[in-house]
Amino acid sequence: MSVDTAELAARIDAAVREVPGVSELYFAAPLPARLWRVAVDRAETFSTVSAGDEGYEATVSIGVARDRADAVARVVAARVRDVLGDPAARVTVRVSRISPAERA
């Protein structure tokens, strides 16, 4: 499978930001992996994508403030599969619940 996974990750980032209920988009890769990607590939995307013999694998990390996190995660996963063009792609959506700051 010959694809530009950095380009796919950028397209996924854009698609995820458009999903209603997504308040934040976070880096899906751990810090050492991000530093390596920036140094070697110049990739500055939030999502990660890999392509293998069995298809695509993508990870997205989002923040949800008001909506049901499970419903938003399902929509995000569907959008990611749409961008990849692979309904069988393995998609991991990590969700962080964002709560409003308390006033002192």
Protein backbone atom coordinates (compact mmCIF):
# COMPACT_ATOMS: atom_id res chain seq x y z
CA MET A 1 0.00 0.00 0.00
CA SER A 2 1.73 3.18 -1.19
CA VAL A 3 0.15 6.17 0.52
CA ASP A 4 1.25 9.39 2.14
CA THR A 5 0.16 8.75 5.72
CA ALA A 6 1.15 12.29 6.78
CA GLU A 7 -1.28 13.70 4.22
CA LEU A 8 -4.00 11.32 5.39
CA ALA A 9 -3.38 12.35 9.01
CA ALA A 10 -3.73 16.03 8.05
CA ARG A 11 -7.01 15.28 6.27
CA ILE A 12 -8.22 13.32 9.30
CA ASP A 13 -7.34 16.24 11.60
CA ALA A 14 -9.42 18.59 9.44
CA ALA A 15 -12.37 16.18 9.29
CA VAL A 16 -12.34 15.54 13.05
CA ARG A 17 -12.33 19.27 13.83
CA GLU A 18 -15.59 19.57 11.88
CA VAL A 19 -17.43 16.94 13.93
CA PRO A 20 -20.05 18.55 16.19
CA GLY A 21 -19.16 17.97 19.82
CA VAL A 22 -15.38 17.89 19.34
CA SER A 23 -14.02 20.72 21.48
CA GLU A 24 -10.31 19.92 21.25
CA LEU A 25 -7.96 17.81 19.18
CA TYR A 26 -4.93 16.43 21.02
CA PHE A 27 -1.77 14.68 19.89
CA ALA A 28 -2.42 10.95 19.56
CA ALA A 29 1.25 9.93 19.56
CA PRO A 30 3.42 10.01 22.69
CA LEU A 31 5.99 12.83 22.94
CA PRO A 32 9.09 10.85 21.83
CA ALA A 33 7.27 9.63 18.72
CA ARG A 34 6.08 13.17 17.93
CA LEU A 35 9.59 14.57 18.26
CA TRP A 36 10.89 11.86 15.94
CA ARG A 37 8.17 12.52 13.35
CA VAL A 38 8.85 16.26 13.39
CA ALA A 39 12.62 15.75 13.10
CA VAL A 40 12.49 13.10 10.38
CA ASP A 41 9.25 13.59 8.47
CA ARG A 42 8.42 17.19 9.33
CA ALA A 43 4.96 15.86 10.22
CA GLU A 44 3.00 18.11 12.53
CA THR A 45 -0.36 16.36 12.64
CA PHE A 46 -2.37 15.46 15.71
CA SER A 47 -3.68 12.11 14.44
CA THR A 48 -1.59 9.07 13.58
CA VAL A 49 -2.07 6.82 10.56
CA SER A 50 -0.26 3.71 9.45
CA ALA A 51 -0.84 1.52 6.43
CA GLY A 52 -0.06 -2.17 6.46
CA ASP A 53 -0.89 -5.37 4.66
CA GLU A 54 -4.17 -5.64 6.55
CA GLY A 55 -5.28 -2.05 5.88
CA TYR A 56 -5.17 1.23 7.70
CA GLU A 57 -4.84 1.90 11.41
CA ALA A 58 -5.55 5.38 12.81
CA THR A 59 -5.57 6.94 16.26
CA VAL A 60 -7.28 10.20 17.17
CA SER A 61 -7.43 11.93 20.55
CA ILE A 62 -10.28 14.37 21.16
CA GLY A 63 -11.78 16.47 23.92
CA VAL A 64 -15.55 16.58 24.40
CA ALA A 65 -17.18 19.21 26.61
CA ARG A 66 -20.94 19.06 26.44
CA ASP A 67 -22.11 16.19 24.29
CA ARG A 68 -22.22 12.47 24.94
CA ALA A 69 -18.66 11.32 24.51
CA ASP A 70 -19.62 7.89 23.15
CA ALA A 71 -21.83 9.37 20.42
CA VAL A 72 -19.18 11.89 19.39
CA ALA A 73 -16.51 9.15 19.31
CA ARG A 74 -18.66 7.02 17.00
CA VAL A 75 -19.11 9.93 14.58
CA VAL A 76 -15.36 10.67 14.69
CA ALA A 77 -14.52 7.02 13.93
CA ALA A 78 -16.93 7.04 10.97
CA ARG A 79 -15.38 10.26 9.62
CA VAL A 80 -11.89 8.80 9.92
CA ARG A 81 -12.96 5.70 7.97
CA ASP A 82 -14.52 7.97 5.33
CA VAL A 83 -11.26 9.92 4.94
CA LEU A 84 -9.29 6.68 4.69
CA GLY A 85 -11.79 5.23 2.24
CA ASP A 86 -11.69 1.99 4.19
CA PRO A 87 -14.78 0.95 6.18
CA ALA A 88 -12.75 -1.86 7.77
CA ALA A 89 -9.94 0.41 9.00
CA ARG A 90 -8.95 -0.03 12.64
CA VAL A 91 -9.70 3.29 14.32
CA THR A 92 -8.98 4.19 17.94
CA VAL A 93 -10.64 7.31 19.34
CA ARG A 94 -9.38 8.45 22.74
CA VAL A 95 -11.79 10.77 24.49
CA SER A 96 -11.07 13.25 27.25
CA ARG A 97 -14.00 14.85 29.01
CA ILE A 98 -13.53 18.60 29.29
CA SER A 99 -15.27 20.16 32.26
CA PRO A 100 -15.76 23.89 32.75
CA ALA A 101 -13.34 25.62 35.06
CA GLU A 102 -14.69 26.27 38.53
CA ARG A 103 -14.78 29.84 39.71
CA ALA A 104 -13.13 30.65 42.99
